[in-house]
Amino acid sequence: MSRLAEVLQRLATVIEGRKGGDPATSYTARLLHDPDLAAKKLGEEAVETVIAAVHGNTDALAAESADLLYHWLVLLAASEVSLDAVAAKLEAREGVSGHDEKARRKPA
C-alpha cells in the first residue's frame, strides 16, 4: 500500500469517528452535519488546487491537494458513500480508454 493510501485510510477512520460529534467544537463534525457545506468547501479547495497548479507552486499544490483530499473524504462520509464504492467505480474503468469510458456514460 502506498504512503498516501495509508494516510487516507487513517484520515477516513478519523472522519468516521467524528460522526455524531459536536459541530460547535469540531470542524469535521460540522461538515458531516451539513453535506451542502462540505460540498461547497470541496469546490473551494478544488479551485485553490487548480490555482496552485497554474502558478507552478509545488508546495502550495501539495498543501491544497491535502485540503482537497480531506474535504473529499468528508463529503463522501457525509453523503454515506464508501471508499469501496468509489474503488468499484474505478475498477470498472480499468483497461478502458478514457475516450471510450466517457462515451459510454449516460447523459446526466
Protein backbone atom coordinates (compact mmCIF):
# COMPACT_ATOMS: atom_id res chain seq x y z
CA MET A 1 0.00 0.00 0.00
CA SER A 2 1.33 3.45 -0.84
CA ARG A 3 2.07 6.00 1.86
CA LEU A 4 -0.78 8.19 0.55
CA ALA A 5 -3.23 5.28 0.68
CA GLU A 6 -2.22 4.58 4.29
CA VAL A 7 -2.65 8.24 5.29
CA LEU A 8 -6.02 8.47 3.52
CA GLN A 9 -7.22 5.32 5.29
CA ARG A 10 -6.21 6.73 8.68
CA LEU A 11 -7.87 10.06 7.86
CA ALA A 12 -11.06 8.31 6.72
CA THR A 13 -11.13 6.45 10.04
CA VAL A 14 -10.76 9.71 11.97
CA ILE A 15 -13.53 11.30 9.90
CA GLU A 16 -15.86 8.35 10.61
CA GLY A 17 -15.10 8.83 14.29
CA ARG A 18 -16.33 12.42 14.11
CA LYS A 19 -19.82 11.35 13.04
CA GLY A 20 -22.14 12.25 15.88
CA GLY A 21 -19.61 14.78 17.17
CA ASP A 22 -20.48 18.29 18.23
CA PRO A 23 -20.46 20.65 15.24
CA ALA A 24 -19.74 23.52 17.62
CA THR A 25 -16.40 22.03 18.66
CA SER A 26 -15.34 20.00 15.62
CA TYR A 27 -14.93 21.37 12.10
CA THR A 28 -15.19 17.86 10.70
CA ALA A 29 -18.41 17.20 12.63
CA ARG A 30 -19.79 20.49 11.30
CA LEU A 31 -19.10 19.44 7.72
CA LEU A 32 -20.51 15.96 8.35
CA HIS A 33 -23.73 17.50 9.67
CA ASP A 34 -24.05 19.76 6.62
CA PRO A 35 -23.29 17.94 3.34
CA ASP A 36 -24.07 21.09 1.34
CA LEU A 37 -21.35 22.96 3.24
CA ALA A 38 -18.99 20.01 2.77
CA ALA A 39 -19.64 20.10 -0.98
CA LYS A 40 -19.06 23.86 -1.10
CA LYS A 41 -15.78 23.52 0.78
CA LEU A 42 -14.67 20.73 -1.58
CA GLY A 43 -15.34 23.03 -4.52
CA GLU A 44 -13.36 25.85 -2.93
CA GLU A 45 -10.42 23.55 -2.30
CA ALA A 46 -10.57 22.26 -5.88
CA VAL A 47 -10.31 25.81 -7.21
CA GLU A 48 -7.41 26.59 -4.85
CA THR A 49 -5.66 23.41 -6.02
CA VAL A 50 -6.04 24.44 -9.66
CA ILE A 51 -4.72 27.93 -8.92
CA ALA A 52 -1.64 26.50 -7.20
CA ALA A 53 -1.03 24.21 -10.18
CA VAL A 54 -1.43 27.01 -12.72
CA HIS A 55 1.03 29.16 -10.79
CA GLY A 56 3.52 26.28 -10.68
CA ASN A 57 3.77 26.49 -6.90
CA THR A 58 4.53 22.88 -5.99
CA ASP A 59 4.46 23.41 -2.22
CA ALA A 60 1.08 25.14 -2.43
CA LEU A 61 -0.13 22.41 -4.80
CA ALA A 62 0.79 19.74 -2.25
CA ALA A 63 -0.89 21.68 0.58
CA GLU A 64 -4.05 22.40 -1.41
CA SER A 65 -4.18 18.80 -2.58
CA ALA A 66 -4.12 17.69 1.05
CA ASP A 67 -7.03 20.06 1.80
CA LEU A 68 -8.86 18.79 -1.28
CA LEU A 69 -8.49 15.15 -0.27
CA TYR A 70 -9.61 15.87 3.30
CA HIS A 71 -12.75 17.67 2.12
CA TRP A 72 -13.43 14.93 -0.47
CA LEU A 73 -13.28 12.27 2.25
CA VAL A 74 -15.58 14.32 4.49
CA LEU A 75 -18.10 14.80 1.68
CA LEU A 76 -18.11 11.08 0.93
CA ALA A 77 -18.69 10.30 4.61
CA ALA A 78 -21.40 12.96 4.92
CA SER A 79 -23.10 11.51 1.84
CA GLU A 80 -22.77 7.90 3.02
CA VAL A 81 -20.59 6.96 0.04
CA SER A 82 -17.89 4.45 0.97
CA LEU A 83 -14.37 4.38 -0.36
CA ASP A 84 -15.18 0.86 -1.57
CA ALA A 85 -17.98 2.30 -3.73
CA VAL A 86 -15.50 4.74 -5.28
CA ALA A 87 -12.98 1.93 -5.75
CA ALA A 88 -15.61 -0.17 -7.53
CA LYS A 89 -16.25 2.66 -9.99
CA LEU A 90 -12.53 2.99 -10.66
CA GLU A 91 -12.11 -0.77 -11.05
CA ALA A 92 -14.94 -0.86 -13.58
CA ARG A 93 -12.98 1.63 -15.69
CA GLU A 94 -9.67 -0.26 -15.61
CA GLY A 95 -8.46 -1.21 -19.05
CA VAL A 96 -10.94 1.10 -20.78
CA SER A 97 -9.64 4.13 -22.65
CA GLY A 98 -10.74 7.47 -21.25
CA HIS A 99 -12.48 8.34 -24.51
CA ASP A 100 -14.40 5.06 -24.58
CA GLU A 101 -15.35 5.30 -20.91
CA LYS A 102 -16.66 8.82 -21.31
CA ALA A 103 -18.60 7.92 -24.49
CA ARG A 104 -20.48 5.11 -22.75
CA ARG A 105 -21.63 7.28 -19.83
CA LYS A 106 -25.28 8.23 -19.99
CA PRO A 107 -26.07 11.95 -20.01
CA ALA A 108 -26.94 13.29 -16.56
